[in-house]
């Protein structure tokens, strides 16, 4: 037998082995870096546009929001919470793999939305909650939550008709809530020593929330040009 034993076969490198894994990690890193560069370029573009036009694209203020029911803007609510979406994660323990646990993506879950407002003579929220009291036949509705901000699109700044509230505010985001019905109504505690406004709140379950693609939303240079 010489220096090389021809009876011994050469090891084969599989594309799904370490080499393939390294290539996959490299591709992911390059994709992430490209996405970061694109985000940085977009931010620089927005800042340059602000300086050239005099418009500001600051983060939207939390106090400026509206609820739209049946196409009518209702600005009666003082608080809105629960706009949150989470994804289930399924953990799978693979035999022989001791350094990590597989985490697989599951279905999305949307939290209930809570709306609060000062107590008035209106009984609309109470009546909505009471529907289905005896037969569980609740009233399902679709409604929208609109986030606004001053001077966030060109058309609003120019005084065009898209200024939907008449105060120089433009849309930043527009969420559509589908298949909503109330699951809890609550009134704040009453106290003879309190000077606070009485608040009523309603908690709403729903099938999901989608972000509208209509013109002027979401905030971007392309949508702002319309």
N, C-alpha and C. Protein backbone atom coordinates (compact mmCIF):
# COMPACT_ATOMS: atom_id res chain seq x y z
N UNK A 1 0.86 -1.20 0.00
CA UNK A 1 0.00 0.00 0.00
C UNK A 1 0.88 1.24 0.00
N UNK A 2 0.58 2.15 -0.87
CA UNK A 2 1.38 3.37 -0.95
C UNK A 2 0.95 4.38 0.09
N UNK A 3 1.36 5.64 -0.20
CA UNK A 3 1.01 6.72 0.73
C UNK A 3 -0.49 6.97 0.76
N UNK A 4 -1.20 6.71 -0.34
CA UNK A 4 -2.65 6.93 -0.40
C UNK A 4 -3.35 5.60 -0.51
N UNK A 5 -4.27 5.36 0.36
CA UNK A 5 -5.05 4.14 0.33
C UNK A 5 -6.30 4.40 -0.49
N UNK A 6 -6.36 3.89 -1.71
CA UNK A 6 -7.49 4.16 -2.61
C UNK A 6 -8.78 3.51 -2.17
N UNK A 7 -8.70 2.60 -1.20
CA UNK A 7 -9.92 1.96 -0.72
C UNK A 7 -10.71 2.86 0.21
N UNK A 8 -10.09 3.94 0.65
CA UNK A 8 -10.77 4.88 1.54
C UNK A 8 -11.42 5.98 0.68
N UNK A 9 -12.72 6.10 0.78
CA UNK A 9 -13.44 7.09 -0.04
C UNK A 9 -13.29 8.48 0.56
N UNK A 10 -13.32 9.49 -0.31
CA UNK A 10 -13.23 10.90 0.12
C UNK A 10 -14.53 11.32 0.78
N UNK A 11 -14.44 12.08 1.85
CA UNK A 11 -15.68 12.58 2.48
C UNK A 11 -16.36 13.59 1.57
N UNK A 12 -17.69 13.50 1.53
CA UNK A 12 -18.47 14.44 0.70
C UNK A 12 -19.05 15.54 1.58
N UNK A 13 -18.99 16.74 1.06
CA UNK A 13 -19.55 17.90 1.78
C UNK A 13 -20.94 18.17 1.24
N UNK A 14 -21.93 18.01 2.09
CA UNK A 14 -23.32 18.23 1.67
C UNK A 14 -23.67 19.70 1.78
N UNK A 15 -24.52 20.15 0.84
CA UNK A 15 -24.95 21.55 0.87
C UNK A 15 -25.81 21.85 2.08
N UNK A 16 -26.33 20.77 2.69
CA UNK A 16 -27.17 20.97 3.88
C UNK A 16 -26.36 20.84 5.15
N UNK A 17 -25.05 20.63 5.03
CA UNK A 17 -24.20 20.48 6.20
C UNK A 17 -23.69 21.82 6.68
N UNK A 18 -22.44 21.79 7.24
CA UNK A 18 -21.89 23.01 7.81
C UNK A 18 -21.70 24.09 6.76
N UNK A 19 -21.29 23.68 5.56
CA UNK A 19 -21.08 24.68 4.51
C UNK A 19 -22.38 25.36 4.13
N UNK A 20 -23.45 24.54 4.01
CA UNK A 20 -24.75 25.13 3.68
C UNK A 20 -25.26 26.03 4.78
N UNK A 21 -25.03 25.62 6.02
CA UNK A 21 -25.46 26.44 7.16
C UNK A 21 -24.73 27.77 7.19
N UNK A 22 -23.42 27.73 6.90
CA UNK A 22 -22.63 28.97 6.88
C UNK A 22 -23.12 29.90 5.79
N UNK A 23 -23.43 29.31 4.63
CA UNK A 23 -23.93 30.13 3.52
C UNK A 23 -25.27 30.76 3.87
N UNK A 24 -26.12 29.99 4.56
CA UNK A 24 -27.42 30.51 4.97
C UNK A 24 -27.27 31.68 5.93
N UNK A 25 -26.36 31.54 6.93
CA UNK A 25 -26.13 32.63 7.88
C UNK A 25 -25.57 33.85 7.19
N UNK A 26 -24.68 33.64 6.22
CA UNK A 26 -24.10 34.76 5.48
C UNK A 26 -25.17 35.49 4.69
N UNK A 27 -26.07 34.72 4.04
CA UNK A 27 -27.16 35.34 3.29
C UNK A 27 -28.08 36.15 4.18
N UNK A 28 -28.38 35.63 5.37
CA UNK A 28 -29.25 36.35 6.31
C UNK A 28 -28.58 37.63 6.77
N UNK A 29 -27.28 37.58 7.04
CA UNK A 29 -26.55 38.77 7.48
C UNK A 29 -26.54 39.84 6.40
N UNK A 30 -26.32 39.42 5.15
CA UNK A 30 -26.31 40.39 4.05
C UNK A 30 -27.68 41.01 3.86
N UNK A 31 -28.74 40.20 3.99
CA UNK A 31 -30.10 40.72 3.85
C UNK A 31 -30.40 41.74 4.94
N UNK A 32 -30.03 41.42 6.19
CA UNK A 32 -30.26 42.34 7.30
C UNK A 32 -29.50 43.64 7.11
N UNK A 33 -28.24 43.52 6.62
CA UNK A 33 -27.44 44.72 6.40
C UNK A 33 -28.04 45.59 5.30
N UNK A 34 -28.55 44.94 4.24
CA UNK A 34 -29.18 45.71 3.16
C UNK A 34 -30.43 46.40 3.64
N UNK A 35 -31.23 45.72 4.48
CA UNK A 35 -32.44 46.34 5.01
C UNK A 35 -32.10 47.52 5.90
N UNK A 36 -31.04 47.39 6.71
CA UNK A 36 -30.62 48.50 7.56
C UNK A 36 -30.15 49.69 6.75
N UNK A 37 -29.41 49.41 5.66
CA UNK A 37 -28.94 50.50 4.79
C UNK A 37 -30.12 51.21 4.13
N UNK A 38 -31.13 50.43 3.71
CA UNK A 38 -32.31 51.03 3.09
C UNK A 38 -33.05 51.90 4.08
N UNK A 39 -33.17 51.44 5.34
CA UNK A 39 -33.85 52.23 6.36
C UNK A 39 -33.10 53.52 6.65
N UNK A 40 -31.78 53.46 6.70
CA UNK A 40 -30.98 54.65 6.93
C UNK A 40 -31.13 55.65 5.78
N UNK A 41 -31.13 55.14 4.56
CA UNK A 41 -31.31 56.02 3.39
C UNK A 41 -32.68 56.68 3.42
N UNK A 42 -33.71 55.92 3.82
CA UNK A 42 -35.06 56.49 3.88
C UNK A 42 -35.13 57.60 4.93
N UNK A 43 -34.50 57.38 6.08
CA UNK A 43 -34.49 58.39 7.13
C UNK A 43 -33.78 59.65 6.67
N UNK A 44 -32.64 59.49 5.99
CA UNK A 44 -31.91 60.65 5.48
C UNK A 44 -32.74 61.39 4.44
N UNK A 45 -33.50 60.63 3.61
CA UNK A 45 -34.34 61.26 2.62
C UNK A 45 -35.44 62.09 3.24
N UNK A 46 -36.04 61.55 4.32
CA UNK A 46 -37.10 62.29 5.02
C UNK A 46 -36.55 63.57 5.63
N UNK A 47 -35.37 63.49 6.26
CA UNK A 47 -34.78 64.68 6.86
C UNK A 47 -34.45 65.74 5.80
N UNK A 48 -33.95 65.30 4.64
CA UNK A 48 -33.65 66.25 3.57
C UNK A 48 -34.93 66.90 3.05
N UNK A 49 -36.00 66.11 2.95
CA UNK A 49 -37.27 66.65 2.49
C UNK A 49 -37.82 67.66 3.50
N UNK A 50 -37.66 67.38 4.80
CA UNK A 50 -38.13 68.31 5.83
C UNK A 50 -37.44 69.67 5.68
N UNK A 51 -36.12 69.64 5.46
CA UNK A 51 -35.38 70.89 5.34
C UNK A 51 -35.78 71.66 4.09
N UNK A 52 -36.08 70.93 3.01
CA UNK A 52 -36.43 71.60 1.75
C UNK A 52 -37.85 72.15 1.76
N UNK A 53 -38.78 71.44 2.42
CA UNK A 53 -40.20 71.82 2.35
C UNK A 53 -40.68 72.59 3.56
N UNK A 54 -39.98 72.48 4.68
CA UNK A 54 -40.44 73.12 5.91
C UNK A 54 -41.45 72.29 6.67
N UNK A 55 -41.82 71.12 6.15
CA UNK A 55 -42.75 70.23 6.84
C UNK A 55 -42.00 69.37 7.84
N UNK A 56 -42.69 68.95 8.89
CA UNK A 56 -42.09 68.11 9.90
C UNK A 56 -42.74 66.73 9.89
N UNK A 57 -41.93 65.71 10.11
CA UNK A 57 -42.41 64.33 10.19
C UNK A 57 -42.04 63.74 11.55
N UNK A 58 -42.32 64.52 12.60
CA UNK A 58 -42.04 64.05 13.95
C UNK A 58 -42.97 62.90 14.32
N UNK A 59 -42.61 62.12 15.35
CA UNK A 59 -43.51 61.05 15.81
C UNK A 59 -44.87 61.61 16.18
N UNK A 60 -45.91 60.84 15.91
CA UNK A 60 -47.28 61.29 16.14
C UNK A 60 -47.58 61.40 17.63
N UNK A 61 -48.30 62.44 18.06
CA UNK A 61 -48.65 62.57 19.47
C UNK A 61 -49.74 61.58 19.87
N UNK A 62 -49.65 61.06 21.09
CA UNK A 62 -50.59 60.04 21.55
C UNK A 62 -52.00 60.59 21.75
N UNK A 63 -52.12 61.90 22.00
CA UNK A 63 -53.43 62.45 22.31
C UNK A 63 -54.33 62.65 21.09
N UNK A 64 -53.72 62.61 19.89
CA UNK A 64 -54.47 62.95 18.68
C UNK A 64 -54.92 61.68 17.96
N UNK A 65 -56.09 61.18 18.33
CA UNK A 65 -56.64 60.00 17.68
C UNK A 65 -58.16 60.14 17.59
N UNK A 66 -58.72 59.43 16.64
CA UNK A 66 -60.17 59.48 16.43
C UNK A 66 -60.68 58.06 16.19
N UNK A 67 -61.92 57.84 16.56
CA UNK A 67 -62.59 56.57 16.30
C UNK A 67 -63.66 56.81 15.26
N UNK A 68 -63.65 55.98 14.21
CA UNK A 68 -64.60 56.14 13.11
C UNK A 68 -65.59 54.98 13.13
N UNK A 69 -66.86 55.30 13.33
CA UNK A 69 -67.93 54.30 13.35
C UNK A 69 -68.89 54.58 12.21
N UNK A 70 -69.07 53.60 11.33
CA UNK A 70 -70.00 53.73 10.20
C UNK A 70 -69.68 54.95 9.34
N UNK A 71 -68.39 55.23 9.15
CA UNK A 71 -67.98 56.33 8.30
C UNK A 71 -68.04 57.68 8.94
N UNK A 72 -68.37 57.76 10.24
CA UNK A 72 -68.49 59.03 10.94
C UNK A 72 -67.36 59.12 11.97
N UNK A 73 -66.63 60.25 11.96
CA UNK A 73 -65.56 60.45 12.92
C UNK A 73 -66.16 60.78 14.29
N UNK A 74 -65.84 59.96 15.29
CA UNK A 74 -66.34 60.17 16.65
C UNK A 74 -65.15 60.48 17.54
N UNK A 75 -65.09 61.70 18.06
CA UNK A 75 -63.96 62.10 18.89
C UNK A 75 -64.37 62.16 20.36
N UNK A 76 -65.18 61.20 20.80
CA UNK A 76 -65.69 61.21 22.17
C UNK A 76 -64.80 60.46 23.14
N UNK A 77 -63.94 59.59 22.64
CA UNK A 77 -63.16 58.75 23.52
C UNK A 77 -61.87 59.44 23.93
N UNK A 78 -61.54 59.32 25.21
CA UNK A 78 -60.34 59.96 25.75
C UNK A 78 -59.15 59.02 25.81
N UNK A 79 -59.40 57.71 25.78
CA UNK A 79 -58.31 56.74 25.80
C UNK A 79 -58.64 55.57 24.88
N UNK A 80 -57.59 55.01 24.32
CA UNK A 80 -57.72 53.83 23.46
C UNK A 80 -56.52 52.93 23.73
N UNK A 81 -56.79 51.71 24.16
CA UNK A 81 -55.71 50.79 24.48
C UNK A 81 -55.99 49.40 23.92
N UNK A 82 -54.95 48.60 23.82
CA UNK A 82 -55.12 47.23 23.37
C UNK A 82 -54.77 46.98 21.92
N UNK A 83 -54.24 47.99 21.23
CA UNK A 83 -53.81 47.76 19.85
C UNK A 83 -52.50 46.98 19.89
N UNK A 84 -52.63 45.68 19.97
CA UNK A 84 -51.45 44.82 20.14
C UNK A 84 -51.70 43.49 19.44
N UNK A 85 -50.66 42.99 18.82
CA UNK A 85 -50.75 41.69 18.16
C UNK A 85 -49.53 40.86 18.57
N UNK A 86 -49.77 39.60 18.87
CA UNK A 86 -48.70 38.69 19.29
C UNK A 86 -48.77 37.41 18.45
N UNK A 87 -47.65 36.74 18.34
CA UNK A 87 -47.59 35.48 17.61
C UNK A 87 -47.24 34.34 18.57
N UNK A 88 -48.03 33.29 18.50
CA UNK A 88 -47.71 32.10 19.30
C UNK A 88 -46.40 31.49 18.84
N UNK A 89 -45.65 30.96 19.78
CA UNK A 89 -44.39 30.29 19.47
C UNK A 89 -44.46 28.87 20.02
N UNK A 90 -44.24 27.90 19.15
CA UNK A 90 -44.27 26.49 19.55
C UNK A 90 -42.84 25.99 19.73
N UNK A 91 -42.55 25.51 20.91
CA UNK A 91 -41.21 25.00 21.20
C UNK A 91 -41.15 23.50 20.93
N UNK A 92 -40.14 23.07 20.19
CA UNK A 92 -39.95 21.66 19.84
C UNK A 92 -38.55 21.25 20.27
N UNK A 93 -38.47 20.28 21.14
CA UNK A 93 -37.18 19.76 21.60
C UNK A 93 -36.76 18.59 20.71
N UNK A 94 -35.66 18.75 20.02
CA UNK A 94 -35.15 17.72 19.12
C UNK A 94 -34.10 16.87 19.84
N UNK A 95 -34.27 15.57 19.75
CA UNK A 95 -33.31 14.67 20.39
C UNK A 95 -31.92 14.82 19.82
N UNK A 96 -30.96 14.93 20.69
CA UNK A 96 -29.57 15.09 20.27
C UNK A 96 -29.15 16.53 20.11
N UNK A 97 -30.09 17.45 20.07
CA UNK A 97 -29.76 18.88 19.98
C UNK A 97 -29.95 19.47 21.38
N UNK A 98 -28.85 19.68 22.06
CA UNK A 98 -28.92 20.10 23.46
C UNK A 98 -28.58 21.57 23.68
N UNK A 99 -28.14 22.26 22.63
CA UNK A 99 -27.72 23.64 22.82
C UNK A 99 -28.82 24.65 22.53
N UNK A 100 -29.97 24.22 22.00
CA UNK A 100 -31.08 25.15 21.80
C UNK A 100 -32.37 24.36 21.59
N UNK A 101 -33.47 25.05 21.64
CA UNK A 101 -34.80 24.47 21.42
C UNK A 101 -35.41 25.14 20.20
N UNK A 102 -35.93 24.36 19.28
CA UNK A 102 -36.57 24.93 18.09
C UNK A 102 -37.79 25.75 18.51
N UNK A 103 -37.91 26.94 17.96
CA UNK A 103 -39.07 27.80 18.22
C UNK A 103 -39.76 28.08 16.89
N UNK A 104 -40.91 27.48 16.69
CA UNK A 104 -41.63 27.57 15.42
C UNK A 104 -42.77 28.58 15.52
N UNK A 105 -42.97 29.37 14.46
CA UNK A 105 -44.03 30.39 14.50
C UNK A 105 -45.43 29.76 14.45
N UNK A 106 -46.33 30.32 15.26
CA UNK A 106 -47.72 29.86 15.29
C UNK A 106 -48.66 30.94 14.79
N UNK A 107 -49.90 30.88 15.21
CA UNK A 107 -50.91 31.83 14.74
C UNK A 107 -50.82 33.16 15.48
N UNK A 108 -51.38 34.19 14.86
CA UNK A 108 -51.40 35.52 15.46
C UNK A 108 -52.57 35.64 16.43
N UNK A 109 -52.39 36.43 17.48
CA UNK A 109 -53.44 36.71 18.43
C UNK A 109 -53.53 38.21 18.66
N UNK A 110 -54.74 38.74 18.63
CA UNK A 110 -54.97 40.17 18.84
C UNK A 110 -55.59 40.39 20.22
N UNK A 111 -55.07 41.36 20.94
CA UNK A 111 -55.62 41.68 22.25
C UNK A 111 -56.95 42.42 22.11
N UNK A 112 -57.75 42.37 23.17
CA UNK A 112 -58.98 43.14 23.19
C UNK A 112 -58.66 44.63 23.22
N UNK A 113 -59.52 45.43 22.62
CA UNK A 113 -59.34 46.88 22.58
C UNK A 113 -60.25 47.52 23.62
N UNK A 114 -59.72 48.48 24.37
CA UNK A 114 -60.48 49.17 25.40
C UNK A 114 -60.61 50.65 25.03
N UNK A 115 -61.84 51.14 25.01
CA UNK A 115 -62.12 52.55 24.74
C UNK A 115 -62.70 53.18 26.00
N UNK A 116 -62.24 54.39 26.33
CA UNK A 116 -62.72 55.09 27.52
C UNK A 116 -63.19 56.49 27.14
N UNK A 117 -64.20 56.95 27.87
CA UNK A 117 -64.70 58.31 27.64
C UNK A 117 -65.41 58.79 28.90
N UNK A 118 -65.62 60.09 28.98
CA UNK A 118 -66.36 60.66 30.10
C UNK A 118 -67.83 60.27 30.03
N UNK A 119 -68.41 59.98 31.18
CA UNK A 119 -69.81 59.55 31.23
C UNK A 119 -70.73 60.70 30.85
N UNK A 120 -71.65 60.44 29.91
CA UNK A 120 -72.60 61.44 29.44
C UNK A 120 -74.02 60.86 29.51
N UNK A 121 -74.97 61.58 28.95
CA UNK A 121 -76.35 61.08 28.93
C UNK A 121 -76.53 59.98 27.90
N UNK A 122 -75.54 59.80 27.02
CA UNK A 122 -75.63 58.76 26.00
C UNK A 122 -75.59 57.38 26.65
N UNK A 123 -76.42 56.47 26.16
CA UNK A 123 -76.44 55.10 26.66
C UNK A 123 -76.05 54.11 25.57
N UNK A 124 -75.39 54.61 24.53
CA UNK A 124 -75.07 53.78 23.38
C UNK A 124 -74.14 52.61 23.74
N UNK A 125 -73.10 52.87 24.55
CA UNK A 125 -72.18 51.80 24.92
C UNK A 125 -72.88 50.76 25.81
N UNK A 126 -73.71 51.24 26.72
CA UNK A 126 -74.45 50.31 27.58
C UNK A 126 -75.41 49.45 26.76
N UNK A 127 -76.13 50.07 25.84
CA UNK A 127 -77.07 49.32 25.01
C UNK A 127 -76.35 48.30 24.13
N UNK A 128 -75.17 48.67 23.63
CA UNK A 128 -74.40 47.74 22.81
C UNK A 128 -73.99 46.52 23.63
N UNK A 129 -73.58 46.79 24.89
CA UNK A 129 -73.17 45.69 25.76
C UNK A 129 -74.36 44.80 26.11
N UNK A 130 -75.53 45.37 26.27
CA UNK A 130 -76.70 44.61 26.69
C UNK A 130 -77.33 43.79 25.57
N UNK A 131 -77.01 44.11 24.32
CA UNK A 131 -77.55 43.32 23.21
C UNK A 131 -77.06 41.87 23.31
N UNK A 132 -77.97 40.93 23.22
CA UNK A 132 -77.63 39.52 23.37
C UNK A 132 -77.65 39.05 24.81
N UNK A 133 -78.25 39.84 25.68
CA UNK A 133 -78.28 39.50 27.11
C UNK A 133 -79.02 38.19 27.36
N UNK A 134 -80.05 37.92 26.57
CA UNK A 134 -80.88 36.74 26.82
C UNK A 134 -80.66 35.63 25.80
N UNK A 135 -80.16 35.99 24.62
CA UNK A 135 -79.99 34.95 23.60
C UNK A 135 -78.57 34.91 23.02
N UNK A 136 -77.65 35.67 23.60
CA UNK A 136 -76.23 35.70 23.16
C UNK A 136 -76.09 36.19 21.72
N UNK A 137 -77.11 36.87 21.20
CA UNK A 137 -77.04 37.41 19.85
C UNK A 137 -76.46 38.82 19.90
N UNK A 138 -75.13 38.90 19.95
CA UNK A 138 -74.47 40.19 20.09
C UNK A 138 -74.47 40.94 18.77
N UNK A 139 -74.21 42.23 18.85
CA UNK A 139 -74.12 43.06 17.64
C UNK A 139 -72.67 43.18 17.23
N UNK A 140 -72.35 42.65 16.04
CA UNK A 140 -70.99 42.71 15.49
C UNK A 140 -70.86 43.96 14.62
N UNK A 141 -69.76 44.68 14.78
CA UNK A 141 -69.52 45.87 13.96
C UNK A 141 -68.07 45.90 13.50
N UNK A 142 -67.80 46.71 12.49
CA UNK A 142 -66.45 47.06 12.08
C UNK A 142 -66.25 48.55 12.36
N UNK A 143 -65.08 48.90 12.86
CA UNK A 143 -64.81 50.32 13.09
C UNK A 143 -63.34 50.60 12.85
N UNK A 144 -62.98 51.86 12.85
CA UNK A 144 -61.60 52.28 12.55
C UNK A 144 -61.05 53.16 13.66
N UNK A 145 -59.75 53.05 13.86
CA UNK A 145 -59.02 53.91 14.78
C UNK A 145 -58.00 54.68 13.96
N UNK A 146 -58.06 55.99 14.01
CA UNK A 146 -57.23 56.84 13.16
C UNK A 146 -56.27 57.65 14.02
N UNK A 147 -54.98 57.53 13.72
CA UNK A 147 -53.94 58.30 14.40
C UNK A 147 -53.57 59.49 13.54
N UNK A 148 -53.63 60.67 14.12
CA UNK A 148 -53.32 61.88 13.37
C UNK A 148 -52.12 62.60 13.93
N UNK A 149 -51.65 63.60 13.17
CA UNK A 149 -50.54 64.44 13.61
C UNK A 149 -50.55 65.70 12.75
N UNK A 150 -50.09 66.82 13.28
CA UNK A 150 -50.08 68.06 12.51
C UNK A 150 -48.99 68.07 11.45
N UNK A 151 -49.33 68.53 10.24
CA UNK A 151 -48.35 68.74 9.18
C UNK A 151 -47.65 67.50 8.70
N UNK A 152 -48.35 66.35 8.65
CA UNK A 152 -47.69 65.12 8.26
C UNK A 152 -47.88 64.75 6.80
N UNK A 153 -48.54 65.57 6.03
CA UNK A 153 -48.61 65.31 4.59
C UNK A 153 -48.76 66.63 3.85
N UNK A 154 -48.32 66.62 2.62
CA UNK A 154 -48.27 67.85 1.83
C UNK A 154 -49.66 68.43 1.60
N UNK A 155 -50.63 67.57 1.27
CA UNK A 155 -51.97 68.05 0.96
C UNK A 155 -52.59 68.78 2.13
N UNK A 156 -52.40 68.29 3.34
CA UNK A 156 -52.93 68.95 4.52
C UNK A 156 -52.27 70.31 4.72
N UNK A 157 -50.95 70.35 4.55
CA UNK A 157 -50.23 71.62 4.74
C UNK A 157 -50.67 72.68 3.73
N UNK A 158 -51.08 72.24 2.54
CA UNK A 158 -51.52 73.18 1.51
C UNK A 158 -52.98 73.56 1.66
N UNK A 159 -53.66 73.00 2.67
CA UNK A 159 -55.05 73.35 2.91
C UNK A 159 -56.01 72.65 1.98
N UNK A 160 -55.66 71.48 1.49
CA UNK A 160 -56.54 70.75 0.57
C UNK A 160 -57.71 70.14 1.34
N UNK A 161 -58.63 69.55 0.60
CA UNK A 161 -59.85 69.00 1.19
C UNK A 161 -59.59 67.75 2.03
N UNK A 162 -58.40 67.19 1.93
CA UNK A 162 -58.12 65.97 2.69
C UNK A 162 -57.91 66.27 4.17
N UNK A 163 -57.90 67.56 4.56
CA UNK A 163 -57.80 67.91 5.96
C UNK A 163 -59.12 67.55 6.62
N UNK A 164 -59.24 66.29 7.05
CA UNK A 164 -60.53 65.74 7.44
C UNK A 164 -61.08 66.32 8.73
N UNK A 165 -60.22 66.90 9.57
CA UNK A 165 -60.73 67.42 10.83
C UNK A 165 -60.83 68.94 10.84
N UNK A 166 -60.32 69.59 9.82
CA UNK A 166 -60.44 71.03 9.73
C UNK A 166 -59.48 71.81 10.61
N UNK A 167 -58.48 71.16 11.19
CA UNK A 167 -57.55 71.84 12.07
C UNK A 167 -56.10 71.68 11.63
N UNK A 168 -55.87 71.33 10.37
CA UNK A 168 -54.52 71.17 9.88
C UNK A 168 -53.86 69.86 10.27
N UNK A 169 -54.65 68.87 10.60
CA UNK A 169 -54.11 67.57 10.98
C UNK A 169 -54.22 66.60 9.82
N UNK A 170 -53.22 65.76 9.68
CA UNK A 170 -53.24 64.74 8.65
C UNK A 170 -53.18 63.35 9.28
N UNK A 171 -53.55 62.36 8.50
CA UNK A 171 -53.51 60.98 8.97
C UNK A 171 -52.07 60.47 8.99
N UNK A 172 -51.77 59.69 10.02
CA UNK A 172 -50.50 58.99 10.09
C UNK A 172 -50.73 57.49 9.92
N UNK A 173 -51.69 56.96 10.65
CA UNK A 173 -52.05 55.56 10.56
C UNK A 173 -53.58 55.42 10.64
N UNK A 174 -54.07 54.37 10.00
CA UNK A 174 -55.52 54.10 9.98
C UNK A 174 -55.71 52.59 10.14
N UNK A 175 -56.16 52.19 11.34
CA UNK A 175 -56.38 50.77 11.61
C UNK A 175 -57.86 50.43 11.46
N UNK A 176 -58.15 49.34 10.79
CA UNK A 176 -59.51 48.84 10.65
C UNK A 176 -59.69 47.62 11.55
N UNK A 177 -60.69 47.68 12.43
CA UNK A 177 -60.99 46.60 13.36
C UNK A 177 -62.20 45.85 12.83
N UNK A 178 -62.06 44.53 12.69
CA UNK A 178 -63.10 43.72 12.05
C UNK A 178 -63.76 42.77 13.05
N UNK A 179 -65.07 42.60 12.88
CA UNK A 179 -65.82 41.64 13.69
C UNK A 179 -65.75 41.94 15.17
N UNK A 180 -66.09 43.16 15.57
CA UNK A 180 -65.95 43.58 16.96
C UNK A 180 -67.27 43.49 17.71
N UNK A 181 -67.19 43.10 18.98
CA UNK A 181 -68.37 43.11 19.86
C UNK A 181 -67.88 43.30 21.30
N UNK A 182 -68.69 43.88 22.18
CA UNK A 182 -68.24 44.19 23.54
C UNK A 182 -68.24 42.97 24.44
N UNK A 183 -67.24 42.89 25.31
CA UNK A 183 -67.16 41.80 26.27
C UNK A 183 -67.15 42.31 27.72
N UNK A 184 -66.97 43.62 27.90
CA UNK A 184 -66.95 44.16 29.25
C UNK A 184 -67.27 45.65 29.23
N UNK A 185 -68.19 46.07 30.09
CA UNK A 185 -68.48 47.49 30.29
C UNK A 185 -68.17 47.82 31.73
N UNK A 186 -67.58 48.98 31.97
CA UNK A 186 -67.19 49.34 33.33
C UNK A 186 -67.30 50.84 33.53
N UNK A 187 -67.76 51.22 34.71
CA UNK A 187 -67.79 52.63 35.09
C UNK A 187 -66.85 52.84 36.26
N UNK A 188 -66.19 53.97 36.28
CA UNK A 188 -65.24 54.27 37.35
C UNK A 188 -65.97 54.35 38.68
N UNK A 189 -65.23 54.09 39.74
CA UNK A 189 -65.82 54.15 41.08
C UNK A 189 -66.26 55.57 41.41
N UNK A 190 -67.38 55.65 42.12
CA UNK A 190 -67.93 56.94 42.54
C UNK A 190 -67.48 57.24 43.97
N UNK A 191 -67.13 58.49 44.21
CA UNK A 191 -66.67 58.88 45.54
C UNK A 191 -67.07 60.33 45.79
N UNK A 192 -67.64 60.59 46.96
CA UNK A 192 -68.07 61.95 47.30
C UNK A 192 -66.88 62.88 47.47
N UNK A 193 -65.69 62.33 47.72
CA UNK A 193 -64.51 63.15 47.93
C UNK A 193 -63.70 63.39 46.65
N UNK A 194 -64.15 62.78 45.54
CA UNK A 194 -63.40 62.90 44.30
C UNK A 194 -63.87 64.09 43.47
N UNK A 195 -62.91 64.70 42.77
CA UNK A 195 -63.22 65.79 41.85
C UNK A 195 -62.97 65.40 40.39
N UNK A 196 -62.73 64.12 40.16
CA UNK A 196 -62.44 63.63 38.82
C UNK A 196 -63.71 63.41 38.02
N UNK A 197 -63.56 63.40 36.71
CA UNK A 197 -64.67 63.10 35.82
C UNK A 197 -64.97 61.61 35.86
N UNK A 198 -66.27 61.26 35.83
CA UNK A 198 -66.66 59.86 35.82
C UNK A 198 -66.36 59.30 34.43
N UNK A 199 -65.63 58.19 34.38
CA UNK A 199 -65.22 57.57 33.12
C UNK A 199 -65.93 56.23 32.94
N UNK A 200 -66.47 56.02 31.75
CA UNK A 200 -66.99 54.71 31.40
C UNK A 200 -66.08 54.10 30.34
N UNK A 201 -65.90 52.80 30.41
CA UNK A 201 -65.03 52.13 29.46
C UNK A 201 -65.71 50.88 28.93
N UNK A 202 -65.32 50.50 27.74
CA UNK A 202 -65.86 49.29 27.13
C UNK A 202 -64.72 48.50 26.51
N UNK A 203 -64.69 47.21 26.80
CA UNK A 203 -63.66 46.33 26.26
C UNK A 203 -64.26 45.54 25.10
N UNK A 204 -63.52 45.51 23.99
CA UNK A 204 -64.06 44.97 22.75
C UNK A 204 -63.19 43.82 22.25
N UNK A 205 -63.82 42.68 22.01
CA UNK A 205 -63.14 41.56 21.34
C UNK A 205 -63.35 41.69 19.84
N UNK A 206 -62.45 41.13 19.05
CA UNK A 206 -62.56 41.29 17.60
C UNK A 206 -61.78 40.19 16.90
N UNK A 207 -61.96 40.11 15.58
CA UNK A 207 -61.30 39.08 14.78
C UNK A 207 -59.91 39.48 14.32
N UNK A 208 -59.61 40.75 14.32
CA UNK A 208 -58.29 41.17 13.88
C UNK A 208 -58.25 42.64 13.51
N UNK A 209 -57.04 43.16 13.37
CA UNK A 209 -56.80 44.55 13.01
C UNK A 209 -55.93 44.59 11.77
N UNK A 210 -56.27 45.43 10.82
CA UNK A 210 -55.47 45.60 9.61
C UNK A 210 -55.12 47.08 9.45
N UNK A 211 -53.94 47.32 8.88
CA UNK A 211 -53.48 48.69 8.65
C UNK A 211 -53.85 49.09 7.24
N UNK A 212 -54.58 50.18 7.11
CA UNK A 212 -55.09 50.62 5.82
C UNK A 212 -53.96 51.11 4.92
N UNK A 213 -54.13 50.89 3.61
CA UNK A 213 -53.15 51.35 2.61
C UNK A 213 -53.66 52.57 1.84
N UNK A 214 -54.68 53.24 2.36
CA UNK A 214 -55.23 54.38 1.65
C UNK A 214 -54.21 55.50 1.52
N UNK A 215 -54.47 56.44 0.63
CA UNK A 215 -53.56 57.57 0.42
C UNK A 215 -53.43 58.35 1.71
N UNK A 216 -52.26 58.93 1.92
CA UNK A 216 -51.87 59.72 3.08
C UNK A 216 -51.51 58.84 4.27
N UNK A 217 -51.70 57.55 4.19
CA UNK A 217 -51.31 56.67 5.28
C UNK A 217 -50.72 55.40 4.70
N UNK A 218 -49.79 54.72 5.38
CA UNK A 218 -49.09 55.22 6.55
C UNK A 218 -48.13 56.34 6.18
N UNK A 219 -47.53 56.99 7.16
CA UNK A 219 -46.67 58.15 6.91
C UNK A 219 -45.48 57.77 6.03
N UNK A 220 -45.41 58.36 4.85
CA UNK A 220 -44.27 58.14 3.96
C UNK A 220 -44.26 59.26 2.94
N UNK A 221 -43.11 59.45 2.29
CA UNK A 221 -43.01 60.51 1.29
C UNK A 221 -43.88 60.19 0.09
N UNK A 222 -43.99 58.91 -0.28
CA UNK A 222 -44.78 58.55 -1.44
C UNK A 222 -46.26 58.83 -1.19
N UNK A 223 -46.77 58.37 -0.03
CA UNK A 223 -48.19 58.57 0.26
C UNK A 223 -48.49 60.03 0.52
N UNK A 224 -47.53 60.77 1.08
CA UNK A 224 -47.78 62.16 1.38
C UNK A 224 -47.92 63.02 0.13
N UNK A 225 -47.42 62.53 -0.98
CA UNK A 225 -47.47 63.31 -2.21
C UNK A 225 -48.84 63.31 -2.86
N UNK A 226 -49.72 62.39 -2.46
CA UNK A 226 -51.04 62.30 -3.06
C UNK A 226 -51.99 63.31 -2.43
